[in-house]
C-alpha atoms as a PDB file:
ATOM      1  CA  MET A   1       0.000   0.000   0.000  1.00  0.00           C
ATOM      2  CA  ASP A   2       1.389   3.379  -1.024  1.00  0.00           C
ATOM      3  CA  GLY A   3       0.973   6.654   0.783  1.00  0.00           C
ATOM      4  CA  SER A   4       1.104   8.215   4.194  1.00  0.00           C
ATOM      5  CA  LEU A   5      -1.522   8.508   6.881  1.00  0.00           C
ATOM      6  CA  VAL A   6      -2.403  10.438   9.995  1.00  0.00           C
ATOM      7  CA  VAL A   7      -3.583   8.172  12.826  1.00  0.00           C
ATOM      8  CA  ILE A   8      -5.510   9.653  15.750  1.00  0.00           C
ATOM      9  CA  THR A   9      -6.305   8.338  19.208  1.00  0.00           C
ATOM     10  CA  THR A  10      -7.290   9.842  22.554  1.00  0.00           C
ATOM     11  CA  VAL A  11      -6.511   8.853  26.144  1.00  0.00           C
ATOM     12  CA  ASP A  12      -7.434  10.036  29.621  1.00  0.00           C
ATOM     13  CA  SER A  13      -4.054  11.392  30.747  1.00  0.00           C
ATOM     14  CA  GLU A  14      -1.073  13.275  29.391  1.00  0.00           C
ATOM     15  CA  GLU A  15       1.225  10.530  30.672  1.00  0.00           C
ATOM     16  CA  ALA A  16      -0.667   7.814  28.763  1.00  0.00           C
ATOM     17  CA  ALA A  17      -0.571   9.960  25.616  1.00  0.00           C
ATOM     18  CA  ALA A  18       3.186  10.477  25.946  1.00  0.00           C
ATOM     19  CA  ARG A  19       3.724   6.716  26.447  1.00  0.00           C
ATOM     20  CA  LEU A  20       1.713   5.857  23.320  1.00  0.00           C
ATOM     21  CA  SER A  21       3.509   8.504  21.277  1.00  0.00           C
ATOM     22  CA  ARG A  22       7.007   7.516  22.343  1.00  0.00           C
ATOM     23  CA  GLY A  23       6.316   3.779  22.117  1.00  0.00           C
ATOM     24  CA  ALA A  24       5.057   3.979  18.538  1.00  0.00           C
ATOM     25  CA  VAL A  25       7.974   6.133  17.382  1.00  0.00           C
ATOM     26  CA  GLU A  26      10.563   3.975  19.175  1.00  0.00           C
ATOM     27  CA  ALA A  27       9.053   0.858  17.562  1.00  0.00           C
ATOM     28  CA  GLY A  28       9.382   2.434  14.092  1.00  0.00           C
ATOM     29  CA  LEU A  29       5.624   2.348  13.588  1.00  0.00           C
ATOM     30  CA  ALA A  30       5.220   6.119  13.355  1.00  0.00           C
ATOM     31  CA  ALA A  31       7.512   8.873  12.152  1.00  0.00           C
ATOM     32  CA  SER A  32       6.148  11.174  14.840  1.00  0.00           C
ATOM     33  CA  GLY A  33       3.461  11.532  17.451  1.00  0.00           C
ATOM     34  CA  GLN A  34       2.075  14.819  18.710  1.00  0.00           C
ATOM     35  CA  VAL A  35       0.240  15.096  22.023  1.00  0.00           C
ATOM     36  CA  THR A  36      -2.408  17.799  22.295  1.00  0.00           C
ATOM     37  CA  GLY A  37      -4.532  18.571  25.295  1.00  0.00           C
ATOM     38  CA  PRO A  38      -6.261  18.719  27.459  1.00  0.00           C
ATOM     39  CA  VAL A  39      -9.336  18.702  25.228  1.00  0.00           C
ATOM     40  CA  ALA A  40     -12.938  18.643  26.394  1.00  0.00           C
ATOM     41  CA  THR A  41     -14.902  15.666  25.110  1.00  0.00           C
ATOM     42  CA  THR A  42     -18.559  14.670  25.149  1.00  0.00           C
ATOM     43  CA  TYR A  43     -19.385  11.061  24.362  1.00  0.00           C
ATOM     44  CA  ARG A  44     -22.039   8.372  24.737  1.00  0.00           C
ATOM     45  CA  HIS A  45     -21.057   5.335  26.822  1.00  0.00           C
ATOM     46  CA  LEU A  46     -23.410   2.550  27.910  1.00  0.00           C
ATOM     47  CA  GLY A  47     -26.420   4.690  26.973  1.00  0.00           C
ATOM     48  CA  GLU A  48     -25.302   7.702  28.988  1.00  0.00           C
ATOM     49  CA  VAL A  49     -23.963  11.036  27.674  1.00  0.00           C
ATOM     50  CA  LEU A  50     -20.805  11.984  29.552  1.00  0.00           C
ATOM     51  CA  ASP A  51     -18.261  14.802  29.553  1.00  0.00           C
ATOM     52  CA  GLY A  52     -14.573  14.375  30.190  1.00  0.00           C
ATOM     53  CA  THR A  53     -11.051  15.524  29.526  1.00  0.00           C
ATOM     54  CA  GLU A  54      -8.716  13.724  27.155  1.00  0.00           C
ATOM     55  CA  TRP A  55      -5.369  14.126  25.402  1.00  0.00           C
ATOM     56  CA  GLN A  56      -5.165  13.482  21.681  1.00  0.00           C
ATOM     57  CA  VAL A  57      -2.227  11.817  19.977  1.00  0.00           C
ATOM     58  CA  VAL A  58      -1.735  12.352  16.243  1.00  0.00           C
ATOM     59  CA  PHE A  59       0.714  10.042  14.496  1.00  0.00           C
ATOM     60  CA  ARG A  60       2.196  10.165  10.997  1.00  0.00           C
ATOM     61  CA  THR A  61       2.909   6.815   9.425  1.00  0.00           C
ATOM     62  CA  ALA A  62       3.422   5.058   6.118  1.00  0.00           C
ATOM     63  CA  ALA A  63       0.415   3.186   4.776  1.00  0.00           C
ATOM     64  CA  ASP A  64       2.246  -0.143   4.953  1.00  0.00           C
ATOM     65  CA  ARG A  65       2.846   0.390   8.706  1.00  0.00           C
ATOM     66  CA  VAL A  66      -0.701   1.409   9.694  1.00  0.00           C
ATOM     67  CA  GLU A  67      -1.917  -2.099  10.612  1.00  0.00           C
ATOM     68  CA  ALA A  68       1.095  -2.694  12.861  1.00  0.00           C
ATOM     69  CA  LEU A  69       0.648   0.753  14.420  1.00  0.00           C
ATOM     70  CA  GLN A  70      -3.018   0.070  15.074  1.00  0.00           C
ATOM     71  CA  ALA A  71      -2.221  -3.302  16.691  1.00  0.00           C
ATOM     72  CA  HIS A  72       0.459  -1.645  18.840  1.00  0.00           C
ATOM     73  CA  LEU A  73      -1.916   1.104  19.973  1.00  0.00           C
ATOM     74  CA  LEU A  74      -4.743  -1.317  20.762  1.00  0.00           C
ATOM     75  CA  ALA A  75      -2.404  -3.480  22.855  1.00  0.00           C
ATOM     76  CA  ALA A  76      -0.963  -0.517  24.782  1.00  0.00           C
ATOM     77  CA  HIS A  77      -4.115   1.605  25.066  1.00  0.00           C
ATOM     78  CA  PRO A  78      -5.782   2.103  28.478  1.00  0.00           C
ATOM     79  CA  TYR A  79      -9.338   2.079  26.981  1.00  0.00           C
ATOM     80  CA  ASP A  80     -11.336  -1.085  26.248  1.00  0.00           C
ATOM     81  CA  SER A  81     -12.471   0.143  22.813  1.00  0.00           C
ATOM     82  CA  PRO A  82     -10.325   3.105  21.893  1.00  0.00           C
ATOM     83  CA  GLU A  83     -10.626   5.425  18.951  1.00  0.00           C
ATOM     84  CA  VAL A  84      -7.824   4.585  16.534  1.00  0.00           C
ATOM     85  CA  ILE A  85      -8.640   6.117  13.173  1.00  0.00           C
ATOM     86  CA  ALA A  86      -6.495   6.572  10.098  1.00  0.00           C
ATOM     87  CA  LEU A  87      -6.875   9.347   7.549  1.00  0.00           C
ATOM     88  CA  PRO A  88      -4.936   9.598   4.286  1.00  0.00           C
ATOM     89  CA  ILE A  89      -2.585  12.492   3.749  1.00  0.00           C
ATOM     90  CA  VAL A  90      -3.808  13.717   0.384  1.00  0.00           C
ATOM     91  CA  SER A  91      -1.320  16.528  -0.039  1.00  0.00           C
ATOM     92  CA  ALA A  92       2.074  17.284   1.489  1.00  0.00           C
ATOM     93  CA  PRO A  93       5.532  18.249   0.262  1.00  0.00           C
ATOM     94  CA  PRO A  94       7.348  15.260  -1.302  1.00  0.00           C
ATOM     95  CA  ALA A  95      10.293  15.637   1.085  1.00  0.00           C
ATOM     96  CA  TYR A  96       7.942  15.405   4.091  1.00  0.00           C
ATOM     97  CA  LEU A  97       6.281  12.267   2.733  1.00  0.00           C
ATOM     98  CA  ALA A  98       9.706  10.742   2.048  1.00  0.00           C
ATOM     99  CA  TRP A  99      10.696  11.465   5.677  1.00  0.00           C
ATOM    100  CA  ILE A 100       7.599   9.624   6.936  1.00  0.00           C
ATOM    101  CA  THR A 101       8.546   6.606   4.837  1.00  0.00           C
ATOM    102  CA  ARG A 102      12.211   6.662   5.926  1.00  0.00           C
ATOM    103  CA  ALA A 103      11.332   7.084   9.605  1.00  0.00           C
ATOM    104  CA  THR A 104       8.999   4.078   9.600  1.00  0.00           C
ATOM    105  CA  ARG A 105      11.304   1.541   8.018  1.00  0.00           C
ATOM    106  CA  PRO A 106      12.044  -1.333  10.396  1.00  0.00           C
END
């Protein structure tokens, strides 16, 4: 699979976000991970609407590494059914896309 992707997840603490970010980059599954937060979130869980605070982690990865990154995040994530979504990067400078590919080679 060709291309690069942005992968997004959220967690309930800055420390958990930093662990996910560093772990994915150290494992060569993401070229980078950015932690943003705190962010206010409203969500439905078990039929109830709740409000909370989360930290978002945004990863950049090569398309051929996204399945391994997703598996890594699901195994390390503190939530039972976490958000782990991947979006294609449809436009970026060629040098940036080449960096993503180089940084995610095992």
